[in-house]
């Protein structure tokens, strides 16, 4: 009993330090089993039997009513997400280079380590002939949000946490004004799309 209580307290403290994740838990917008597995690996990697205690703690938190600050924060984030739309584009590739790649680019990001370009997969053979590093068979998911996104902390974190809780990895992330672009593997894209449609209130 002491161990279960300790785990519950640790999970509670962990989530309260991550209000965006706590909001997802409170609003039932995550897979509790997937999140419990994630927390088990992060907090108790040597205790595989802690999974059920962690999941129980998450379910208990989901039923609790938090103080006004958490509620207000959640309301603002929810308002932005409900006003957002989700778009998806398949047949995408990501190219790593040191500069221009000579083909039309959907989105790009640059840093000291080089340039990352998102392109249509039709250009992959041409790019590979140039000796460029290419990741193919990818999908681009775009969340288009209202202008208030830029003044509301936690919106992007809520999106990423909802996806990560399902064990989905975002390979590339680009934020452009009020658009949030995420590149992921094809086999993750459908589930991510479903999660985001639910998060934005567009799920039928």
N, C-alpha and C. Protein backbone atom coordinates (compact mmCIF):
# COMPACT_ATOMS: atom_id res chain seq x y z
N UNK A 1 0.83 -1.21 0.00
CA UNK A 1 0.00 0.00 0.00
C UNK A 1 0.87 1.26 0.00
N UNK A 2 1.97 1.21 0.80
CA UNK A 2 2.87 2.36 0.85
C UNK A 2 3.46 2.66 -0.51
N UNK A 3 3.87 1.58 -1.24
CA UNK A 3 4.46 1.76 -2.56
C UNK A 3 3.47 2.39 -3.52
N UNK A 4 2.22 1.94 -3.49
CA UNK A 4 1.20 2.49 -4.38
C UNK A 4 0.98 3.97 -4.09
N UNK A 5 0.95 4.32 -2.80
CA UNK A 5 0.75 5.72 -2.42
C UNK A 5 1.93 6.57 -2.87
N UNK A 6 3.14 6.03 -2.75
CA UNK A 6 4.33 6.76 -3.18
C UNK A 6 4.32 7.02 -4.67
N UNK A 7 4.00 5.99 -5.44
CA UNK A 7 3.93 6.13 -6.90
C UNK A 7 2.87 7.16 -7.28
N UNK A 8 1.72 7.11 -6.63
CA UNK A 8 0.64 8.06 -6.93
C UNK A 8 1.10 9.50 -6.67
N UNK A 9 1.81 9.71 -5.59
CA UNK A 9 2.29 11.07 -5.26
C UNK A 9 3.32 11.55 -6.27
N UNK A 10 4.20 10.65 -6.69
CA UNK A 10 5.22 11.01 -7.67
C UNK A 10 4.58 11.35 -9.02
N UNK A 11 3.61 10.56 -9.43
CA UNK A 11 2.91 10.82 -10.69
C UNK A 11 2.17 12.15 -10.62
N UNK A 12 1.54 12.42 -9.50
CA UNK A 12 0.82 13.68 -9.31
C UNK A 12 1.78 14.86 -9.42
N UNK A 13 2.92 14.78 -8.75
CA UNK A 13 3.91 15.86 -8.79
C UNK A 13 4.48 16.02 -10.20
N UNK A 14 4.76 14.91 -10.87
CA UNK A 14 5.32 14.93 -12.22
C UNK A 14 4.37 15.67 -13.17
N UNK A 15 3.08 15.35 -13.08
CA UNK A 15 2.11 15.96 -13.99
C UNK A 15 1.82 17.42 -13.64
N UNK A 16 1.86 17.76 -12.37
CA UNK A 16 1.59 19.15 -12.00
C UNK A 16 2.70 20.07 -12.48
N UNK A 17 3.87 19.52 -12.71
CA UNK A 17 4.98 20.30 -13.26
C UNK A 17 4.88 20.38 -14.79
N UNK A 18 3.93 19.65 -15.34
CA UNK A 18 3.70 19.64 -16.79
C UNK A 18 2.21 19.88 -17.02
N UNK A 19 1.75 21.12 -16.83
CA UNK A 19 0.31 21.42 -16.89
C UNK A 19 -0.37 21.02 -18.19
N UNK A 20 0.37 21.06 -19.30
CA UNK A 20 -0.24 20.67 -20.56
C UNK A 20 -0.59 19.19 -20.58
N UNK A 21 0.28 18.38 -19.99
CA UNK A 21 0.02 16.94 -19.93
C UNK A 21 -1.08 16.64 -18.92
N UNK A 22 -1.08 17.36 -17.81
CA UNK A 22 -2.12 17.19 -16.80
C UNK A 22 -3.49 17.54 -17.38
N UNK A 23 -3.52 18.57 -18.21
CA UNK A 23 -4.78 18.97 -18.84
C UNK A 23 -5.32 17.86 -19.74
N UNK A 24 -4.43 17.21 -20.48
CA UNK A 24 -4.85 16.10 -21.34
C UNK A 24 -5.42 14.96 -20.51
N UNK A 25 -4.79 14.68 -19.38
CA UNK A 25 -5.27 13.62 -18.50
C UNK A 25 -6.65 13.97 -17.96
N UNK A 26 -6.81 15.20 -17.48
CA UNK A 26 -8.09 15.63 -16.89
C UNK A 26 -9.23 15.59 -17.90
N UNK A 27 -8.90 15.86 -19.15
CA UNK A 27 -9.94 15.94 -20.17
C UNK A 27 -10.11 14.65 -20.97
N UNK A 28 -9.44 13.60 -20.54
CA UNK A 28 -9.61 12.30 -21.20
C UNK A 28 -9.11 12.29 -22.63
N UNK A 29 -8.09 13.09 -22.93
CA UNK A 29 -7.60 13.21 -24.30
C UNK A 29 -6.31 12.44 -24.53
N UNK A 30 -6.06 11.44 -23.69
CA UNK A 30 -4.88 10.61 -23.90
C UNK A 30 -5.23 9.16 -23.62
N UNK A 31 -4.40 8.28 -24.10
CA UNK A 31 -4.54 6.85 -23.83
C UNK A 31 -3.82 6.58 -22.52
N UNK A 32 -4.56 6.28 -21.47
CA UNK A 32 -3.96 6.13 -20.15
C UNK A 32 -2.97 4.98 -20.07
N UNK A 33 -3.24 3.92 -20.80
CA UNK A 33 -2.30 2.78 -20.79
C UNK A 33 -0.99 3.17 -21.46
N UNK A 34 -1.09 3.87 -22.61
CA UNK A 34 0.12 4.30 -23.32
C UNK A 34 0.91 5.29 -22.49
N UNK A 35 0.22 6.22 -21.84
CA UNK A 35 0.91 7.21 -21.01
C UNK A 35 1.54 6.53 -19.79
N UNK A 36 0.85 5.55 -19.22
CA UNK A 36 1.41 4.83 -18.07
C UNK A 36 2.69 4.09 -18.46
N UNK A 37 2.69 3.51 -19.65
CA UNK A 37 3.91 2.82 -20.12
C UNK A 37 5.04 3.81 -20.31
N UNK A 38 4.72 4.98 -20.85
CA UNK A 38 5.74 6.01 -21.05
C UNK A 38 6.34 6.47 -19.72
N UNK A 39 5.46 6.70 -18.73
CA UNK A 39 5.94 7.15 -17.43
C UNK A 39 6.69 6.05 -16.69
N UNK A 40 6.25 4.82 -16.89
CA UNK A 40 6.94 3.70 -16.26
C UNK A 40 8.38 3.60 -16.76
N UNK A 41 8.57 3.76 -18.07
CA UNK A 41 9.91 3.70 -18.64
C UNK A 41 10.77 4.88 -18.18
N UNK A 42 10.14 6.03 -18.01
CA UNK A 42 10.88 7.24 -17.64
C UNK A 42 11.19 7.32 -16.15
N UNK A 43 10.20 6.92 -15.30
CA UNK A 43 10.35 7.09 -13.86
C UNK A 43 10.75 5.81 -13.12
N UNK A 44 10.30 4.67 -13.63
CA UNK A 44 10.57 3.39 -12.96
C UNK A 44 11.05 2.35 -13.96
N UNK A 45 12.15 2.60 -14.65
CA UNK A 45 12.63 1.66 -15.69
C UNK A 45 12.97 0.27 -15.16
N UNK A 46 13.27 0.15 -13.89
CA UNK A 46 13.64 -1.15 -13.31
C UNK A 46 12.46 -1.84 -12.63
N UNK A 47 11.31 -1.18 -12.61
CA UNK A 47 10.15 -1.77 -11.93
C UNK A 47 8.98 -1.92 -12.90
N UNK A 48 8.99 -3.01 -13.65
CA UNK A 48 7.95 -3.23 -14.64
C UNK A 48 6.57 -3.43 -14.01
N UNK A 49 6.56 -3.86 -12.74
CA UNK A 49 5.28 -4.09 -12.09
C UNK A 49 4.63 -2.79 -11.60
N UNK A 50 5.30 -1.65 -11.85
CA UNK A 50 4.73 -0.36 -11.43
C UNK A 50 3.69 0.16 -12.41
N UNK A 51 3.56 -0.49 -13.56
CA UNK A 51 2.65 -0.03 -14.61
C UNK A 51 1.22 0.16 -14.09
N UNK A 52 0.70 -0.83 -13.38
CA UNK A 52 -0.70 -0.78 -12.94
C UNK A 52 -0.92 0.31 -11.89
N UNK A 53 0.08 0.52 -11.03
CA UNK A 53 -0.03 1.59 -10.03
C UNK A 53 -0.01 2.95 -10.71
N UNK A 54 0.81 3.11 -11.75
CA UNK A 54 0.88 4.37 -12.49
C UNK A 54 -0.43 4.64 -13.22
N UNK A 55 -0.95 3.62 -13.86
CA UNK A 55 -2.22 3.78 -14.58
C UNK A 55 -3.35 4.14 -13.61
N UNK A 56 -3.36 3.49 -12.45
CA UNK A 56 -4.38 3.79 -11.44
C UNK A 56 -4.28 5.23 -10.99
N UNK A 57 -3.05 5.73 -10.84
CA UNK A 57 -2.84 7.12 -10.43
C UNK A 57 -3.35 8.08 -11.50
N UNK A 58 -3.12 7.74 -12.75
CA UNK A 58 -3.59 8.59 -13.85
C UNK A 58 -5.13 8.63 -13.89
N UNK A 59 -5.75 7.48 -13.72
CA UNK A 59 -7.21 7.42 -13.74
C UNK A 59 -7.80 8.20 -12.57
N UNK A 60 -7.11 8.16 -11.43
CA UNK A 60 -7.58 8.91 -10.26
C UNK A 60 -7.47 10.41 -10.52
N UNK A 61 -6.36 10.82 -11.13
CA UNK A 61 -6.18 12.23 -11.45
C UNK A 61 -7.21 12.71 -12.47
N UNK A 62 -7.59 11.82 -13.37
CA UNK A 62 -8.55 12.18 -14.42
C UNK A 62 -9.91 12.52 -13.82
N UNK A 63 -10.18 12.02 -12.64
CA UNK A 63 -11.49 12.24 -12.01
C UNK A 63 -11.48 13.43 -11.06
N UNK A 64 -10.30 13.96 -10.80
CA UNK A 64 -10.21 15.06 -9.84
C UNK A 64 -10.47 16.41 -10.50
N UNK A 65 -10.88 17.36 -9.71
CA UNK A 65 -11.09 18.73 -10.17
C UNK A 65 -9.99 19.61 -9.60
N UNK A 66 -9.21 20.19 -10.49
CA UNK A 66 -8.08 21.02 -10.05
C UNK A 66 -8.53 22.45 -9.75
N UNK A 67 -7.63 23.24 -9.20
CA UNK A 67 -7.88 24.63 -8.83
C UNK A 67 -8.10 25.49 -10.07
N UNK A 68 -8.55 26.73 -9.83
CA UNK A 68 -8.94 27.62 -10.93
C UNK A 68 -7.87 27.87 -11.96
N UNK A 69 -6.58 27.96 -11.55
CA UNK A 69 -5.51 28.27 -12.49
C UNK A 69 -5.41 27.20 -13.56
N UNK A 70 -5.44 25.93 -13.14
CA UNK A 70 -5.37 24.83 -14.10
C UNK A 70 -6.59 24.83 -15.02
N UNK A 71 -7.75 25.14 -14.45
CA UNK A 71 -8.97 25.15 -15.25
C UNK A 71 -8.91 26.26 -16.29
N UNK A 72 -8.48 27.46 -15.85
CA UNK A 72 -8.42 28.58 -16.78
C UNK A 72 -7.40 28.32 -17.89
N UNK A 73 -6.24 27.78 -17.49
CA UNK A 73 -5.23 27.47 -18.49
C UNK A 73 -5.79 26.47 -19.50
N UNK A 74 -6.45 25.45 -19.00
CA UNK A 74 -7.02 24.43 -19.88
C UNK A 74 -8.08 24.98 -20.81
N UNK A 75 -8.89 25.91 -20.29
CA UNK A 75 -9.95 26.49 -21.10
C UNK A 75 -9.37 27.28 -22.27
N UNK A 76 -8.31 28.05 -22.00
CA UNK A 76 -7.70 28.85 -23.05
C UNK A 76 -7.08 27.96 -24.13
N UNK A 77 -6.36 26.92 -23.69
CA UNK A 77 -5.75 26.00 -24.65
C UNK A 77 -6.84 25.28 -25.45
N UNK A 78 -7.86 24.83 -24.76
CA UNK A 78 -8.95 24.12 -25.44
C UNK A 78 -9.63 25.01 -26.47
N UNK A 79 -9.82 26.27 -26.13
CA UNK A 79 -10.46 27.22 -27.04
C UNK A 79 -9.66 27.35 -28.34
N UNK A 80 -8.33 27.44 -28.20
CA UNK A 80 -7.47 27.57 -29.37
C UNK A 80 -7.52 26.29 -30.21
N UNK A 81 -7.41 25.16 -29.54
CA UNK A 81 -7.38 23.88 -30.27
C UNK A 81 -8.71 23.61 -30.96
N UNK A 82 -9.82 23.96 -30.33
CA UNK A 82 -11.12 23.73 -30.94
C UNK A 82 -11.34 24.63 -32.15
N UNK A 83 -10.59 25.73 -32.21
CA UNK A 83 -10.70 26.64 -33.35
C UNK A 83 -9.67 26.31 -34.44
N UNK A 84 -8.93 25.23 -34.25
CA UNK A 84 -7.90 24.82 -35.20
C UNK A 84 -8.43 23.75 -36.15
N UNK A 85 -7.75 23.59 -37.26
CA UNK A 85 -8.11 22.55 -38.23
C UNK A 85 -6.88 21.69 -38.51
N UNK A 86 -7.13 20.49 -38.99
CA UNK A 86 -6.04 19.54 -39.24
C UNK A 86 -6.03 19.17 -40.72
N UNK A 87 -4.84 19.22 -41.31
CA UNK A 87 -4.66 18.82 -42.71
C UNK A 87 -3.57 17.75 -42.76
N UNK A 88 -3.66 16.89 -43.75
CA UNK A 88 -2.67 15.82 -43.87
C UNK A 88 -2.24 15.69 -45.33
N UNK A 89 -0.95 15.46 -45.54
CA UNK A 89 -0.42 15.31 -46.89
C UNK A 89 0.53 14.12 -46.92
N UNK A 90 0.23 13.16 -47.77
CA UNK A 90 1.05 11.96 -47.87
C UNK A 90 2.11 12.12 -48.97
N UNK A 91 2.91 11.08 -49.19
CA UNK A 91 3.98 11.08 -50.19
C UNK A 91 4.95 12.24 -49.96
N UNK A 92 5.49 12.24 -48.75
CA UNK A 92 6.40 13.29 -48.31
C UNK A 92 7.79 12.70 -48.04
N UNK A 93 8.81 13.50 -48.28
CA UNK A 93 10.18 13.10 -47.95
C UNK A 93 10.87 14.27 -47.26
N UNK A 94 11.89 13.96 -46.46
CA UNK A 94 12.68 14.97 -45.77
C UNK A 94 14.12 14.86 -46.27
N UNK A 95 14.69 15.99 -46.65
CA UNK A 95 16.04 16.03 -47.22
C UNK A 95 16.97 16.85 -46.33
N UNK A 96 18.14 16.30 -46.06
CA UNK A 96 19.16 17.03 -45.30
C UNK A 96 20.22 17.53 -46.27
N UNK A 97 20.56 18.80 -46.17
CA UNK A 97 21.53 19.38 -47.09
C UNK A 97 22.27 20.52 -46.41
N UNK A 98 23.19 21.13 -47.18
CA UNK A 98 23.92 22.29 -46.69
C UNK A 98 23.41 23.60 -47.30
N UNK A 99 22.48 23.47 -48.24
CA UNK A 99 21.95 24.65 -48.90
C UNK A 99 20.77 24.29 -49.78
N UNK A 100 20.58 25.04 -50.86
CA UNK A 100 19.47 24.80 -51.77
C UNK A 100 19.57 23.42 -52.40
N UNK A 101 18.40 22.76 -52.58
CA UNK A 101 18.40 21.41 -53.14
C UNK A 101 17.89 21.37 -54.59
N UNK A 102 17.46 22.50 -55.12
CA UNK A 102 17.11 22.58 -56.53
C UNK A 102 15.75 22.04 -56.92
N UNK A 103 14.86 21.78 -55.94
CA UNK A 103 13.50 21.33 -56.25
C UNK A 103 12.54 22.13 -55.37
N UNK A 104 11.24 22.17 -55.76
CA UNK A 104 10.27 22.90 -54.93
C UNK A 104 10.20 22.33 -53.51
N UNK A 105 10.11 23.22 -52.54
CA UNK A 105 10.12 22.83 -51.13
C UNK A 105 8.79 23.19 -50.47
N UNK A 106 8.24 22.28 -49.70
CA UNK A 106 6.99 22.52 -48.99
C UNK A 106 7.25 23.34 -47.73
N UNK A 107 8.29 22.98 -47.00
CA UNK A 107 8.69 23.69 -45.78
C UNK A 107 10.16 23.43 -45.56
N UNK A 108 10.80 24.35 -44.83
CA UNK A 108 12.22 24.20 -44.60
C UNK A 108 12.61 24.79 -43.24
N UNK A 109 13.70 24.31 -42.70
CA UNK A 109 14.24 24.84 -41.45
C UNK A 109 15.76 24.73 -41.53
N UNK A 110 16.44 25.72 -41.00
CA UNK A 110 17.90 25.70 -41.07
C UNK A 110 18.51 25.97 -39.71
N UNK A 111 19.70 25.43 -39.50
CA UNK A 111 20.44 25.64 -38.26
C UNK A 111 21.92 25.51 -38.58
N UNK A 112 22.77 25.52 -37.55
CA UNK A 112 24.19 25.38 -37.76
C UNK A 112 24.57 24.04 -38.38
N UNK A 113 23.74 23.03 -38.13
CA UNK A 113 24.05 21.69 -38.65
C UNK A 113 23.62 21.48 -40.10
N UNK A 114 22.85 22.43 -40.66
CA UNK A 114 22.45 22.30 -42.05
C UNK A 114 21.02 22.73 -42.30
N UNK A 115 20.48 22.27 -43.43
CA UNK A 115 19.13 22.63 -43.85
C UNK A 115 18.28 21.37 -43.96
N UNK A 116 17.08 21.43 -43.40
CA UNK A 116 16.12 20.34 -43.50
C UNK A 116 14.98 20.82 -44.38
N UNK A 117 14.70 20.08 -45.45
CA UNK A 117 13.64 20.47 -46.38
C UNK A 117 12.59 19.37 -46.49
N UNK A 118 11.33 19.77 -46.46
CA UNK A 118 10.22 18.85 -46.67
C UNK A 118 9.78 18.99 -48.12
N UNK A 119 9.79 17.87 -48.86
CA UNK A 119 9.47 17.92 -50.29
C UNK A 119 8.51 16.79 -50.66
N UNK A 120 7.99 16.87 -51.86
CA UNK A 120 7.16 15.79 -52.40
C UNK A 120 8.04 14.60 -52.75
N UNK A 121 7.55 13.39 -52.49
CA UNK A 121 8.34 12.19 -52.74
C UNK A 121 8.72 11.99 -54.20
N UNK A 122 8.03 12.68 -55.10
CA UNK A 122 8.33 12.55 -56.53
C UNK A 122 9.76 12.98 -56.85
N UNK A 123 10.33 13.83 -55.98
CA UNK A 123 11.69 14.33 -56.24
C UNK A 123 12.78 13.46 -55.62
N UNK A 124 12.40 12.40 -54.93
CA UNK A 124 13.39 11.57 -54.23
C UNK A 124 14.46 11.00 -55.14
N UNK A 125 14.12 10.37 -56.30
CA UNK A 125 15.17 9.84 -57.18
C UNK A 125 16.17 10.91 -57.61
N UNK A 126 15.66 12.08 -57.93
CA UNK A 126 16.51 13.18 -58.36
C UNK A 126 17.45 13.63 -57.24
N UNK A 127 16.93 13.68 -56.04
CA UNK A 127 17.73 14.13 -54.89
C UNK A 127 18.78 13.09 -54.48
N UNK A 128 18.41 11.83 -54.60
CA UNK A 128 19.36 10.77 -54.26
C UNK A 128 20.53 10.74 -55.25
N UNK A 129 20.24 11.08 -56.50
CA UNK A 129 21.32 11.13 -57.49
C UNK A 129 22.34 12.20 -57.14
N UNK A 130 21.89 13.21 -56.41
CA UNK A 130 22.80 14.28 -55.99
C UNK A 130 23.58 13.89 -54.74
N UNK A 131 23.28 12.71 -54.23
CA UNK A 131 24.00 12.25 -53.04
C UNK A 131 23.48 12.83 -51.73
N UNK A 132 22.28 13.38 -51.76
CA UNK A 132 21.71 13.97 -50.55
C UNK A 132 21.07 12.91 -49.66
N UNK A 133 21.07 13.14 -48.37
CA UNK A 133 20.45 12.23 -47.42
C UNK A 133 18.94 12.45 -47.43
N UNK A 134 18.18 11.38 -47.73
CA UNK A 134 16.73 11.51 -47.88
C UNK A 134 16.01 10.48 -47.02
N UNK A 135 14.97 10.94 -46.32
CA UNK A 135 14.06 10.05 -45.60
C UNK A 135 12.74 10.07 -46.36
N UNK A 136 12.30 8.89 -46.82
CA UNK A 136 11.10 8.81 -47.66
C UNK A 136 9.98 8.08 -46.93
N UNK A 137 8.84 7.94 -47.62
CA UNK A 137 7.66 7.26 -47.06
C UNK A 137 7.19 7.93 -45.78
N UNK A 138 7.01 9.25 -45.84
CA UNK A 138 6.59 10.03 -44.68
C UNK A 138 5.28 10.76 -44.97
N UNK A 139 4.70 11.29 -43.90
CA UNK A 139 3.45 12.05 -44.00
C UNK A 139 3.61 13.37 -43.27
N UNK A 140 3.04 14.42 -43.84
CA UNK A 140 3.05 15.74 -43.22
C UNK A 140 1.68 16.03 -42.62
N UNK A 141 1.64 16.34 -41.33
CA UNK A 141 0.40 16.71 -40.66
C UNK A 141 0.51 18.18 -40.27
N UNK A 142 -0.49 18.96 -40.64
CA UNK A 142 -0.47 20.40 -40.38
C UNK A 142 -1.68 20.79 -39.53
N UNK A 143 -1.42 21.49 -38.43
CA UNK A 143 -2.50 22.05 -37.61
C UNK A 143 -2.53 23.55 -37.85
N UNK A 144 -3.64 24.04 -38.39
CA UNK A 144 -3.80 25.47 -38.67
C UNK A 144 -4.64 26.10 -37.55
N UNK A 145 -4.05 27.03 -36.82
CA UNK A 145 -4.70 27.59 -35.64
C UNK A 145 -4.98 29.08 -35.81
N UNK A 146 -5.84 29.64 -34.96
CA UNK A 146 -6.12 31.08 -35.01
C UNK A 146 -4.94 31.88 -34.48
N UNK A 147 -4.91 33.20 -34.70
CA UNK A 147 -3.78 34.05 -34.28
C UNK A 147 -3.48 33.99 -32.78
N UNK A 148 -4.48 33.68 -31.96
CA UNK A 148 -4.29 33.63 -30.51
C UNK A 148 -3.29 32.56 -30.09
N UNK A 149 -2.97 31.65 -30.98
CA UNK A 149 -2.01 30.60 -30.67
C UNK A 149 -0.69 31.18 -30.18
N UNK A 150 -0.27 32.28 -30.81
CA UNK A 150 1.03 32.86 -30.51
C UNK A 150 1.08 33.52 -29.13
N UNK A 151 -0.07 33.79 -28.54
CA UNK A 151 -0.11 34.44 -27.23
C UNK A 151 -0.63 33.52 -26.13
N UNK A 152 -0.83 32.24 -26.47
CA UNK A 152 -1.37 31.29 -25.49
C UNK A 152 -0.37 30.17 -25.24
N UNK A 153 0.33 30.19 -24.10
CA UNK A 153 1.33 29.16 -23.83
C UNK A 153 0.70 27.79 -23.62
N UNK A 154 1.38 26.78 -24.13
CA UNK A 154 0.95 25.41 -23.87
C UNK A 154 0.18 24.73 -24.99
N UNK A 155 -0.22 25.46 -26.02
CA UNK A 155 -1.01 24.84 -27.10
C UNK A 155 -0.19 23.79 -27.85
N UNK A 156 1.00 24.18 -28.27
CA UNK A 156 1.85 23.24 -29.01
C UNK A 156 2.25 22.07 -28.12
N UNK A 157 2.52 22.36 -26.85
CA UNK A 157 2.87 21.29 -25.91
C UNK A 157 1.72 20.30 -25.77
N UNK A 158 0.49 20.79 -25.74
CA UNK A 158 -0.67 19.91 -25.63
C UNK A 158 -0.77 18.99 -26.84
N UNK A 159 -0.49 19.53 -28.02
CA UNK A 159 -0.53 18.74 -29.25
C UNK A 159 0.53 17.64 -29.22
N UNK A 160 1.76 18.02 -28.88
CA UNK A 160 2.85 17.06 -28.87
C UNK A 160 2.68 16.01 -27.78
N UNK A 161 2.17 16.42 -26.63
CA UNK A 161 1.96 15.46 -25.54
C UNK A 161 0.88 14.44 -25.90
N UNK A 162 -0.17 14.90 -26.57
CA UNK A 162 -1.24 13.98 -26.96
C UNK A 162 -0.72 12.91 -27.92
N UNK A 163 0.18 13.31 -28.81
CA UNK A 163 0.76 12.38 -29.76
C UNK A 163 1.78 11.46 -29.09
N UNK A 164 2.63 12.05 -28.26
CA UNK A 164 3.66 11.26 -27.58
C UNK A 164 3.06 10.23 -26.64
N UNK A 165 1.93 10.56 -26.02
CA UNK A 165 1.28 9.64 -25.09
C UNK A 165 0.85 8.35 -25.79
N UNK A 166 0.70 8.41 -27.11
CA UNK A 166 0.33 7.23 -27.89
C UNK A 166 1.56 6.53 -28.46
N UNK A 167 2.73 7.00 -28.07
CA UNK A 167 3.96 6.36 -28.54
C UNK A 167 4.35 6.73 -29.96
N UNK A 168 3.82 7.84 -30.45
CA UNK A 168 4.11 8.29 -31.81
C UNK A 168 5.25 9.30 -31.79
N UNK A 169 6.23 9.08 -32.63
CA UNK A 169 7.39 9.97 -32.69
C UNK A 169 7.26 10.95 -33.85
N UNK A 170 7.46 12.23 -33.56
CA UNK A 170 7.47 13.26 -34.60
C UNK A 170 8.91 13.40 -35.09
N UNK A 171 9.12 13.09 -36.36
CA UNK A 171 10.47 13.11 -36.92
C UNK A 171 10.98 14.53 -37.15
N UNK A 172 10.10 15.40 -37.63
CA UNK A 172 10.46 16.80 -37.86
C UNK A 172 9.32 17.69 -37.41
N UNK A 173 9.67 18.80 -36.79
CA UNK A 173 8.66 19.73 -36.29
C UNK A 173 9.02 21.14 -36.74
N UNK A 174 8.05 21.83 -37.34
CA UNK A 174 8.27 23.20 -37.80
C UNK A 174 7.07 24.04 -37.37
N UNK A 175 7.34 25.18 -36.76
CA UNK A 175 6.28 26.11 -36.39
C UNK A 175 6.41 27.35 -37.26
N UNK A 176 5.35 27.69 -37.97
CA UNK A 176 5.37 28.85 -38.87
C UNK A 176 4.14 29.71 -38.58
N UNK A 177 4.34 30.81 -37.87
CA UNK A 177 3.25 31.69 -37.48
C UNK A 177 2.20 30.88 -36.69
N UNK A 178 1.03 30.67 -37.26
CA UNK A 178 -0.02 29.93 -36.55
C UNK A 178 -0.19 28.51 -37.09
N UNK A 179 0.72 28.08 -37.94
CA UNK A 179 0.68 26.71 -38.46
C UNK A 179 1.72 25.85 -37.76
N UNK A 180 1.32 24.66 -37.37
CA UNK A 180 2.22 23.70 -36.74
C UNK A 180 2.37 22.51 -37.67
N UNK A 181 3.58 22.28 -38.16
CA UNK A 181 3.83 21.22 -39.13
C UNK A 181 4.63 20.10 -38.47
N UNK A 182 4.17 18.88 -38.67
CA UNK A 182 4.84 17.72 -38.11
C UNK A 182 5.00 16.64 -39.17
N UNK A 183 6.20 16.12 -39.29
CA UNK A 183 6.47 15.03 -40.22
C UNK A 183 6.63 13.75 -39.41
N UNK A 184 5.95 12.70 -39.85
CA UNK A 184 6.03 11.42 -39.14
C UNK A 184 5.96 10.27 -40.13
N UNK A 185 6.25 9.09 -39.64
CA UNK A 185 6.20 7.90 -40.49
C UNK A 185 4.77 7.61 -40.91
N UNK A 186 4.63 7.03 -42.10
CA UNK A 186 3.30 6.73 -42.63
C UNK A 186 2.47 5.87 -41.68
N UNK A 187 3.11 4.89 -41.04
CA UNK A 187 2.34 3.98 -40.19
C UNK A 187 1.89 4.63 -38.88
N UNK A 188 2.38 5.83 -38.57
CA UNK A 188 1.94 6.58 -37.39
C UNK A 188 0.93 7.66 -37.74
N UNK A 189 0.87 8.03 -39.01
CA UNK A 189 0.11 9.22 -39.41
C UNK A 189 -1.39 9.09 -39.19
N UNK A 190 -1.97 7.93 -39.49
CA UNK A 190 -3.42 7.78 -39.35
C UNK A 190 -3.83 7.93 -37.89
N UNK A 191 -3.09 7.28 -36.99
CA UNK A 191 -3.43 7.38 -35.57
C UNK A 191 -3.23 8.82 -35.07
N UNK A 192 -2.16 9.46 -35.52
CA UNK A 192 -1.92 10.85 -35.12
C UNK A 192 -3.04 11.76 -35.63
N UNK A 193 -3.48 11.51 -36.83
CA UNK A 193 -4.57 12.29 -37.42
C UNK A 193 -5.85 12.14 -36.59
N UNK A 194 -6.15 10.91 -36.18
CA UNK A 194 -7.34 10.65 -35.36
C UNK A 194 -7.25 11.38 -34.02
N UNK A 195 -6.07 11.35 -33.42
CA UNK A 195 -5.86 12.02 -32.13
C UNK A 195 -6.08 13.52 -32.28
N UNK A 196 -5.51 14.09 -33.33
CA UNK A 196 -5.60 15.54 -33.54
C UNK A 196 -7.02 15.97 -33.91
N UNK A 197 -7.72 15.13 -34.66
CA UNK A 197 -9.11 15.43 -34.99
C UNK A 197 -9.96 15.45 -33.72
N UNK A 198 -9.66 14.54 -32.81
CA UNK A 198 -10.37 14.49 -31.55
C UNK A 198 -10.00 15.70 -30.69
N UNK A 199 -8.73 16.05 -30.67
CA UNK A 199 -8.23 17.17 -29.88
C UNK A 199 -8.82 18.49 -30.33
N UNK A 200 -9.04 18.63 -31.62
CA UNK A 200 -9.57 19.87 -32.17
C UNK A 200 -11.10 19.84 -32.30
N UNK A 201 -11.72 18.75 -31.86
CA UNK A 201 -13.17 18.66 -31.87
C UNK A 201 -13.76 18.42 -33.24
N UNK A 202 -12.96 17.90 -34.17
CA UNK A 202 -13.45 17.67 -35.53
C UNK A 202 -13.83 16.22 -35.77
N UNK A 203 -13.61 15.36 -34.78
CA UNK A 203 -13.88 13.94 -34.96
C UNK A 203 -15.39 13.72 -35.09
N UNK A 204 -15.75 12.94 -36.13
CA UNK A 204 -17.16 12.70 -36.39
C UNK A 204 -17.70 11.65 -35.43
